[in-house]
Protein backbone atom coordinates (compact mmCIF):
# COMPACT_ATOMS: atom_id res chain seq x y z
CA MET A 1 -0.03 0.07 0.01
CA SER A 2 1.26 3.55 -0.74
CA SER A 3 2.32 6.16 1.96
CA THR A 4 -0.70 7.85 0.18
CA THR A 5 -3.30 5.43 0.66
CA THR A 6 -1.65 4.49 4.60
CA ASN A 7 -1.59 8.03 5.41
CA SER A 8 -5.63 8.79 4.07
CA LEU A 9 -6.65 5.91 5.73
CA LEU A 10 -5.55 6.75 9.14
CA LEU A 11 -7.08 10.25 8.46
CA VAL A 12 -10.28 8.69 7.65
CA GLY A 13 -10.20 6.35 10.53
CA ARG A 14 -9.11 9.09 13.28
CA VAL A 15 -12.41 11.16 11.85
CA LEU A 16 -14.93 8.23 12.24
CA LEU A 17 -13.16 6.66 16.00
CA SER A 18 -13.13 10.45 17.14
CA ALA A 19 -16.44 11.93 15.66
CA MET A 20 -18.34 9.73 18.23
CA PHE A 21 -16.86 11.28 21.53
CA ILE A 22 -16.65 14.66 20.03
CA LEU A 23 -20.79 14.65 19.58
CA SER A 24 -21.52 12.63 22.64
CA GLY A 25 -19.54 14.64 24.78
CA PHE A 26 -21.27 17.86 24.37
CA PRO A 27 -25.00 16.85 25.64
CA LYS A 28 -23.01 15.40 28.68
CA LEU A 29 -21.78 19.43 29.43
CA ILE A 30 -25.73 20.71 28.20
CA ASP A 31 -27.75 18.26 29.90
CA PRO A 32 -26.00 15.77 32.55
CA SER A 33 -28.99 14.20 33.68
CA GLY A 34 -29.35 10.89 31.57
CA THR A 35 -25.25 10.35 32.03
CA ALA A 36 -25.86 10.76 35.60
CA GLY A 37 -28.33 9.02 36.37
CA MET A 38 -26.65 5.94 34.24
CA ILE A 39 -23.25 6.68 36.50
CA THR A 40 -26.00 6.67 39.77
CA ASN A 41 -27.28 3.60 38.92
CA ALA A 42 -24.03 1.67 38.28
CA GLY A 43 -23.17 3.21 42.52
CA ILE A 44 -20.52 5.57 41.06
CA PRO A 45 -20.31 8.73 43.47
CA ALA A 46 -20.22 12.19 42.26
CA ALA A 47 -22.11 11.16 39.39
CA THR A 48 -22.67 14.49 37.88
CA LEU A 49 -19.34 15.78 38.56
CA LEU A 50 -18.17 12.60 36.47
CA THR A 51 -20.91 13.43 33.85
CA TYR A 52 -18.82 16.71 33.18
CA VAL A 53 -15.71 15.42 33.86
CA ALA A 54 -16.60 12.64 31.30
CA GLY A 55 -18.13 15.11 28.95
CA ILE A 56 -15.10 17.39 28.42
CA PHE A 57 -12.45 14.13 28.18
CA GLU A 58 -14.31 13.22 25.30
CA ILE A 59 -14.18 16.34 23.51
CA LEU A 60 -11.10 16.96 24.32
CA ALA A 61 -9.83 13.38 23.53
CA GLY A 62 -11.66 13.17 20.21
CA LEU A 63 -10.36 16.21 19.16
CA ALA A 64 -6.79 15.04 19.71
CA VAL A 65 -7.45 12.44 17.72
CA LEU A 66 -9.39 14.35 14.94
CA LEU A 67 -6.50 16.35 14.59
CA GLY A 68 -3.90 13.82 15.22
CA PHE A 69 -2.48 15.85 18.41
CA LYS A 70 -0.77 13.79 20.81
CA THR A 71 -2.56 10.85 18.82
CA ARG A 72 -0.68 7.50 20.67
CA ILE A 73 -1.60 8.78 24.12
CA ALA A 74 -5.03 10.11 23.23
CA ALA A 75 -6.37 6.57 21.56
CA LEU A 76 -4.94 5.05 24.40
CA LEU A 77 -6.93 6.96 27.06
CA LEU A 78 -9.73 6.55 24.55
CA ALA A 79 -9.45 2.56 24.63
CA ALA A 80 -9.25 2.28 28.11
CA PHE A 81 -12.28 4.24 28.49
CA SER A 82 -14.30 2.39 25.93
CA VAL A 83 -13.32 -0.62 28.15
CA PHE A 84 -14.05 0.95 31.27
CA THR A 85 -17.80 1.94 29.97
CA ALA A 86 -18.41 -1.50 28.44
CA LEU A 87 -17.28 -3.29 31.49
CA VAL A 88 -18.86 -0.88 33.91
CA PHE A 89 -22.60 0.02 32.08
CA HIS A 90 -22.96 -2.56 29.76
CA SER A 91 -21.65 -5.96 30.52
CA SER A 92 -24.96 -6.92 32.77
CA ALA A 93 -28.54 -7.84 31.59
CA ILE A 94 -31.55 -5.25 31.91
CA ASN A 95 -34.21 -6.28 33.93
CA ILE A 96 -36.88 -3.05 34.43
CA PRO A 97 -39.56 -4.08 36.88
CA GLY A 98 -42.96 -4.38 35.31
CA PHE A 99 -41.35 -4.77 32.20
CA PRO A 100 -42.32 -7.79 30.00
CA ASP A 101 -39.70 -10.36 29.87
CA ALA A 102 -39.50 -10.17 25.83
CA ALA A 103 -38.50 -6.34 26.49
CA ASN A 104 -36.03 -6.54 28.91
CA GLY A 105 -34.69 -9.38 26.97
CA MET A 106 -34.37 -7.21 23.80
CA LEU A 107 -32.84 -4.03 26.04
CA SER A 108 -30.47 -6.47 27.64
CA MET A 109 -29.28 -7.40 24.05
CA PHE A 110 -28.62 -3.96 22.91
CA ASN A 111 -26.84 -3.67 26.29
CA GLN A 112 -24.52 -6.01 24.77
CA LEU A 113 -24.34 -4.84 21.55
CA ASN A 114 -23.45 -1.78 23.12
CA MET A 115 -20.83 -3.48 24.69
CA MET A 116 -19.43 -5.66 22.02
CA LYS A 117 -19.66 -1.96 20.15
CA ASN A 118 -17.36 -0.33 22.89
CA LEU A 119 -14.75 -3.06 22.98
CA THR A 120 -14.73 -2.78 19.46
CA ILE A 121 -13.55 0.92 19.75
CA ALA A 122 -11.18 0.01 21.95
CA GLY A 123 -9.73 -2.24 19.51
CA GLY A 124 -9.55 0.58 17.02
CA PHE A 125 -7.53 3.03 19.42
CA LEU A 126 -4.86 0.38 20.32
CA VAL A 127 -4.41 0.04 15.97
CA LEU A 128 -4.47 3.87 15.92
CA ALA A 129 -1.91 3.70 18.93
CA ALA A 130 0.11 1.52 17.57
CA ALA A 131 0.00 2.92 14.04
CA GLY A 132 0.50 6.67 14.74
CA ALA A 133 -2.00 9.48 13.21
CA GLY A 134 -0.09 9.35 9.73
CA ALA A 135 1.20 12.12 7.77
CA TYR A 136 -1.88 14.17 7.55
CA SER A 137 -1.68 15.45 11.19
CA ILE A 138 -0.56 17.98 13.65
CA ASP A 139 1.85 14.66 14.79
CA GLY A 140 3.07 14.09 11.45
CA ARG A 141 3.88 17.52 10.67
CA ARG A 142 6.18 17.40 13.92
CA GLY A 143 7.47 14.10 12.75
CA SER A 144 5.77 11.83 15.00
CA VAL A 145 4.89 9.46 12.35
CA ALA A 146 5.37 5.66 12.84
CA ILE A 147 3.70 4.10 9.92
CA THR A 148 5.90 4.03 6.39
CA ALA A 149 4.86 2.13 3.43
């Protein structure tokens, strides 16, 4: 594969991986109640504060990956964040009292899919951490590009 193709794929990968985190960080800052409720239900204290911290982290780390700035560090942090959220928030069955068994089963299936999605995203970030941001990045401009064709 040519270096132009490799660097272009790394850029597209960075855009796709970062978009979800940038876009999901803002709602946490505007209306933290939903995320704070999930954090509270997981038994973690200081839910509202942690929601704001998570929102700021998602935006800043997402922007770092998007721009290719300190990409390896940001990618490793987002991989750890993705694994943490998968295990803490998406690894158990859903059982809402009063809901039909079929509805709880469907919600549990969606929760499991979210866990697998988060773990898959973590894998993508680990690959990005190993590969580096590519030439079309701030890291690339600073001479921190790992992959060559």
